[in-house]
């Protein structure tokens, strides 16, 4: 079951980041709407972990954009920890114990 008729109605900008307002019809015919942020500069730092953020309201979209700018160092550190954890997991594998679930 998927939504249909999704289209960007309007693009807004906050702190140099574009975010789009969308309206669509759900699988059961009900109207729906929301905001999508896809080009946030911090995404390049945390990518591929975050590709897009979605919110229900304009205020939530603005808050998410602000959070990524205001806590950029936090997100950089989380990305480093994530990468280090992944590397440690793969480094722990041996020739006989190499199942990773990939």
N, C-alpha and C. Protein backbone atom coordinates (compact mmCIF):
# COMPACT_ATOMS: atom_id res chain seq x y z
N UNK A 1 0.84 -1.16 0.00
CA UNK A 1 0.00 0.00 0.00
C UNK A 1 0.89 1.24 0.00
N UNK A 2 0.75 2.08 -0.98
CA UNK A 2 1.57 3.26 -1.07
C UNK A 2 0.71 4.50 -1.23
N UNK A 3 1.30 5.64 -0.96
CA UNK A 3 0.59 6.89 -1.17
C UNK A 3 0.64 7.26 -2.65
N UNK A 4 -0.29 8.09 -3.05
CA UNK A 4 -0.33 8.49 -4.45
C UNK A 4 -0.42 9.99 -4.56
N UNK A 5 -0.17 10.49 -5.73
CA UNK A 5 -0.34 11.91 -6.04
C UNK A 5 0.52 12.83 -5.17
N UNK A 6 1.71 12.38 -4.77
CA UNK A 6 2.56 13.23 -3.94
C UNK A 6 3.23 14.28 -4.82
N UNK A 7 3.12 15.52 -4.42
CA UNK A 7 3.76 16.58 -5.17
C UNK A 7 4.22 17.68 -4.23
N UNK A 8 5.34 18.30 -4.58
CA UNK A 8 5.83 19.43 -3.80
C UNK A 8 4.99 20.65 -4.14
N UNK A 9 4.38 21.23 -3.15
CA UNK A 9 3.53 22.39 -3.35
C UNK A 9 4.35 23.66 -3.28
N UNK A 10 5.25 23.74 -2.31
CA UNK A 10 6.03 24.94 -2.12
C UNK A 10 7.36 24.60 -1.46
N UNK A 11 8.39 25.33 -1.84
CA UNK A 11 9.70 25.18 -1.22
C UNK A 11 9.98 26.39 -0.34
N UNK A 12 10.44 26.12 0.87
CA UNK A 12 10.81 27.16 1.83
C UNK A 12 12.31 27.07 2.08
N UNK A 13 12.88 28.11 2.65
CA UNK A 13 14.30 28.12 3.00
C UNK A 13 14.46 28.63 4.42
N UNK A 14 15.27 27.91 5.20
CA UNK A 14 15.60 28.34 6.56
C UNK A 14 17.09 28.11 6.76
N UNK A 15 17.82 29.15 7.11
CA UNK A 15 19.27 29.09 7.33
C UNK A 15 19.99 28.52 6.11
N UNK A 16 19.48 28.85 4.93
CA UNK A 16 20.11 28.42 3.69
C UNK A 16 19.78 27.01 3.26
N UNK A 17 18.88 26.35 3.99
CA UNK A 17 18.49 24.97 3.68
C UNK A 17 17.07 24.98 3.13
N UNK A 18 16.90 24.37 1.98
CA UNK A 18 15.56 24.25 1.40
C UNK A 18 14.81 23.09 2.03
N UNK A 19 13.52 23.29 2.22
CA UNK A 19 12.64 22.19 2.63
C UNK A 19 11.32 22.36 1.91
N UNK A 20 10.72 21.25 1.55
CA UNK A 20 9.53 21.26 0.71
C UNK A 20 8.29 20.87 1.48
N UNK A 21 7.21 21.53 1.15
CA UNK A 21 5.89 21.15 1.66
C UNK A 21 5.23 20.27 0.61
N UNK A 22 4.71 19.13 1.05
CA UNK A 22 4.07 18.17 0.15
C UNK A 22 2.64 17.90 0.59
N UNK A 23 1.80 17.63 -0.37
CA UNK A 23 0.45 17.10 -0.11
C UNK A 23 0.28 15.87 -0.98
N UNK A 24 -0.44 14.88 -0.45
CA UNK A 24 -0.69 13.66 -1.20
C UNK A 24 -1.94 12.99 -0.68
N UNK A 25 -2.35 11.99 -1.38
CA UNK A 25 -3.50 11.17 -0.98
C UNK A 25 -2.97 9.82 -0.54
N UNK A 26 -3.38 9.36 0.62
CA UNK A 26 -2.91 8.08 1.13
C UNK A 26 -3.58 6.93 0.40
N UNK A 27 -3.14 5.72 0.69
CA UNK A 27 -3.65 4.54 0.01
C UNK A 27 -5.16 4.38 0.18
N UNK A 28 -5.70 4.91 1.28
CA UNK A 28 -7.13 4.76 1.51
C UNK A 28 -7.92 6.03 1.19
N UNK A 29 -7.31 6.93 0.41
CA UNK A 29 -8.02 8.10 -0.08
C UNK A 29 -8.04 9.31 0.83
N UNK A 30 -7.32 9.26 1.95
CA UNK A 30 -7.30 10.40 2.87
C UNK A 30 -6.21 11.39 2.48
N UNK A 31 -6.48 12.69 2.62
CA UNK A 31 -5.45 13.68 2.32
C UNK A 31 -4.38 13.69 3.42
N UNK A 32 -3.13 13.94 3.02
CA UNK A 32 -2.02 14.01 3.97
C UNK A 32 -1.07 15.11 3.51
N UNK A 33 -0.26 15.59 4.45
CA UNK A 33 0.72 16.62 4.10
C UNK A 33 1.89 16.55 5.05
N UNK A 34 3.00 17.14 4.64
CA UNK A 34 4.18 17.16 5.48
C UNK A 34 5.31 17.91 4.81
N UNK A 35 6.43 17.99 5.51
CA UNK A 35 7.60 18.72 5.05
C UNK A 35 8.78 17.76 4.93
N UNK A 36 9.63 17.99 3.91
CA UNK A 36 10.78 17.14 3.68
C UNK A 36 12.03 18.00 3.50
N UNK A 37 13.09 17.63 4.22
CA UNK A 37 14.38 18.31 4.12
C UNK A 37 15.34 17.31 3.47
N UNK A 38 15.93 17.69 2.33
CA UNK A 38 16.81 16.74 1.65
C UNK A 38 18.21 17.24 1.40
N UNK A 39 18.48 18.52 1.51
CA UNK A 39 19.81 19.03 1.15
C UNK A 39 20.53 19.69 2.32
N UNK A 40 20.31 19.22 3.51
CA UNK A 40 20.94 19.83 4.68
C UNK A 40 22.45 19.61 4.61
N UNK A 41 23.26 20.65 4.83
CA UNK A 41 24.73 20.51 4.74
C UNK A 41 25.30 19.45 5.67
N UNK A 42 24.71 19.26 6.83
CA UNK A 42 25.23 18.28 7.78
C UNK A 42 25.00 16.86 7.29
N UNK A 43 24.09 16.65 6.37
CA UNK A 43 23.88 15.31 5.83
C UNK A 43 25.16 14.77 5.23
N UNK A 44 25.99 15.64 4.63
CA UNK A 44 27.25 15.20 4.05
C UNK A 44 28.18 14.65 5.13
N UNK A 45 28.06 15.16 6.34
CA UNK A 45 28.90 14.71 7.45
C UNK A 45 28.41 13.36 7.96
N UNK A 46 27.10 13.22 8.07
CA UNK A 46 26.54 12.00 8.66
C UNK A 46 26.14 10.97 7.61
N UNK A 47 26.24 11.32 6.34
CA UNK A 47 25.85 10.42 5.27
C UNK A 47 26.69 9.16 5.32
N UNK A 48 26.17 7.99 5.10
CA UNK A 48 24.85 7.70 4.56
C UNK A 48 23.78 7.48 5.62
N UNK A 49 24.07 7.83 6.86
CA UNK A 49 23.10 7.58 7.92
C UNK A 49 21.82 8.38 7.75
N UNK A 50 21.94 9.64 7.29
CA UNK A 50 20.76 10.48 7.11
C UNK A 50 20.75 10.97 5.66
N UNK A 51 19.70 10.68 4.97
CA UNK A 51 19.54 11.16 3.61
C UNK A 51 18.42 12.19 3.50
N UNK A 52 17.47 12.08 4.41
CA UNK A 52 16.29 12.94 4.33
C UNK A 52 15.63 12.99 5.70
N UNK A 53 15.06 14.13 6.02
CA UNK A 53 14.27 14.26 7.24
C UNK A 53 12.87 14.68 6.86
N UNK A 54 11.89 14.12 7.52
CA UNK A 54 10.50 14.48 7.25
C UNK A 54 9.82 14.88 8.55
N UNK A 55 8.94 15.86 8.45
CA UNK A 55 8.19 16.32 9.61
C UNK A 55 6.74 16.58 9.21
N UNK A 56 5.89 16.68 10.21
CA UNK A 56 4.48 16.95 9.95
C UNK A 56 4.18 18.44 9.87
N UNK A 57 4.99 19.27 10.56
CA UNK A 57 4.70 20.71 10.59
C UNK A 57 5.92 21.52 10.17
N UNK A 58 5.66 22.76 9.79
CA UNK A 58 6.73 23.68 9.40
C UNK A 58 7.65 23.95 10.60
N UNK A 59 7.07 24.09 11.77
CA UNK A 59 7.86 24.35 12.98
C UNK A 59 8.82 23.20 13.27
N UNK A 60 8.37 21.97 13.06
CA UNK A 60 9.24 20.82 13.27
C UNK A 60 10.38 20.80 12.25
N UNK A 61 10.09 21.17 11.01
CA UNK A 61 11.14 21.23 9.98
C UNK A 61 12.21 22.24 10.36
N UNK A 62 11.78 23.40 10.80
CA UNK A 62 12.72 24.45 11.21
C UNK A 62 13.54 23.98 12.41
N UNK A 63 12.90 23.32 13.36
CA UNK A 63 13.61 22.82 14.54
C UNK A 63 14.66 21.78 14.15
N UNK A 64 14.35 20.91 13.20
CA UNK A 64 15.33 19.89 12.76
C UNK A 64 16.52 20.55 12.07
N UNK A 65 16.25 21.53 11.24
CA UNK A 65 17.34 22.25 10.56
C UNK A 65 18.22 22.93 11.61
N UNK A 66 17.61 23.63 12.56
CA UNK A 66 18.37 24.30 13.61
C UNK A 66 19.19 23.30 14.42
N UNK A 67 18.60 22.16 14.74
CA UNK A 67 19.30 21.14 15.53
C UNK A 67 20.56 20.67 14.82
N UNK A 68 20.47 20.42 13.53
CA UNK A 68 21.65 19.95 12.81
C UNK A 68 22.73 21.02 12.73
N UNK A 69 22.35 22.29 12.61
CA UNK A 69 23.35 23.37 12.61
C UNK A 69 23.92 23.58 14.01
N UNK A 70 23.04 23.67 15.01
CA UNK A 70 23.46 24.01 16.37
C UNK A 70 24.24 22.89 17.04
N UNK A 71 24.04 21.65 16.60
CA UNK A 71 24.72 20.51 17.22
C UNK A 71 25.58 19.76 16.21
N UNK A 72 26.16 20.49 15.26
CA UNK A 72 26.96 19.87 14.21
C UNK A 72 28.10 19.03 14.79
N UNK A 73 28.77 19.56 15.81
CA UNK A 73 29.87 18.81 16.43
C UNK A 73 29.39 17.49 17.01
N UNK A 74 28.21 17.50 17.61
CA UNK A 74 27.63 16.27 18.15
C UNK A 74 27.41 15.25 17.04
N UNK A 75 26.84 15.68 15.92
CA UNK A 75 26.58 14.75 14.83
C UNK A 75 27.87 14.23 14.19
N UNK A 76 28.90 15.07 14.14
CA UNK A 76 30.20 14.61 13.64
C UNK A 76 30.76 13.53 14.56
N UNK A 77 30.67 13.77 15.86
CA UNK A 77 31.18 12.79 16.83
C UNK A 77 30.39 11.49 16.75
N UNK A 78 29.07 11.58 16.63
CA UNK A 78 28.26 10.37 16.52
C UNK A 78 28.61 9.58 15.25
N UNK A 79 28.91 10.28 14.16
CA UNK A 79 29.31 9.60 12.92
C UNK A 79 30.64 8.88 13.12
N UNK A 80 31.59 9.53 13.82
CA UNK A 80 32.88 8.89 14.09
C UNK A 80 32.71 7.65 14.96
N UNK A 81 31.89 7.76 16.00
CA UNK A 81 31.65 6.61 16.87
C UNK A 81 30.97 5.47 16.12
N UNK A 82 30.03 5.81 15.28
CA UNK A 82 29.35 4.79 14.47
C UNK A 82 30.35 4.07 13.59
N UNK A 83 31.18 4.83 12.89
CA UNK A 83 32.16 4.22 12.00
C UNK A 83 33.16 3.36 12.78
N UNK A 84 33.60 3.85 13.94
CA UNK A 84 34.54 3.08 14.75
C UNK A 84 33.90 1.79 15.25
N UNK A 85 32.64 1.84 15.62
CA UNK A 85 31.95 0.63 16.06
C UNK A 85 31.82 -0.39 14.94
N UNK A 86 31.49 0.08 13.76
CA UNK A 86 31.40 -0.82 12.60
C UNK A 86 32.75 -1.46 12.31
N UNK A 87 33.80 -0.64 12.34
CA UNK A 87 35.14 -1.16 12.06
C UNK A 87 35.56 -2.18 13.10
N UNK A 88 35.29 -1.91 14.37
CA UNK A 88 35.64 -2.85 15.43
C UNK A 88 34.91 -4.18 15.24
N UNK A 89 33.67 -4.12 14.84
CA UNK A 89 32.90 -5.34 14.60
C UNK A 89 33.54 -6.17 13.49
N UNK A 90 33.85 -5.53 12.37
CA UNK A 90 34.45 -6.27 11.26
C UNK A 90 35.86 -6.75 11.59
N UNK A 91 36.60 -5.96 12.35
CA UNK A 91 37.94 -6.38 12.77
C UNK A 91 37.89 -7.59 13.69
N UNK A 92 36.80 -7.79 14.40
CA UNK A 92 36.69 -8.90 15.34
C UNK A 92 36.45 -10.24 14.64
N UNK A 93 36.14 -10.19 13.37
CA UNK A 93 35.85 -11.41 12.63
C UNK A 93 37.14 -12.14 12.26
N UNK A 94 37.08 -13.45 12.33
CA UNK A 94 38.23 -14.28 11.96
C UNK A 94 37.89 -15.08 10.71
N UNK A 95 38.84 -15.84 10.26
CA UNK A 95 38.62 -16.68 9.08
C UNK A 95 37.50 -17.69 9.34
N UNK A 96 37.36 -18.15 10.58
CA UNK A 96 36.37 -19.17 10.88
C UNK A 96 35.08 -18.59 11.48
N UNK A 97 35.14 -17.38 11.89
CA UNK A 97 33.96 -16.70 12.45
C UNK A 97 33.78 -15.40 11.68
N UNK A 98 33.31 -15.51 10.44
CA UNK A 98 33.26 -14.32 9.61
C UNK A 98 31.84 -13.96 9.16
N UNK A 99 30.83 -14.53 9.78
CA UNK A 99 29.47 -14.17 9.42
C UNK A 99 29.17 -12.77 9.93
N UNK A 100 28.76 -11.90 9.04
CA UNK A 100 28.47 -10.52 9.42
C UNK A 100 27.01 -10.17 9.27
N UNK A 101 26.24 -10.99 8.61
CA UNK A 101 24.83 -10.69 8.40
C UNK A 101 24.60 -9.73 7.25
N UNK A 102 25.65 -9.36 6.56
CA UNK A 102 25.51 -8.42 5.43
C UNK A 102 24.75 -9.07 4.28
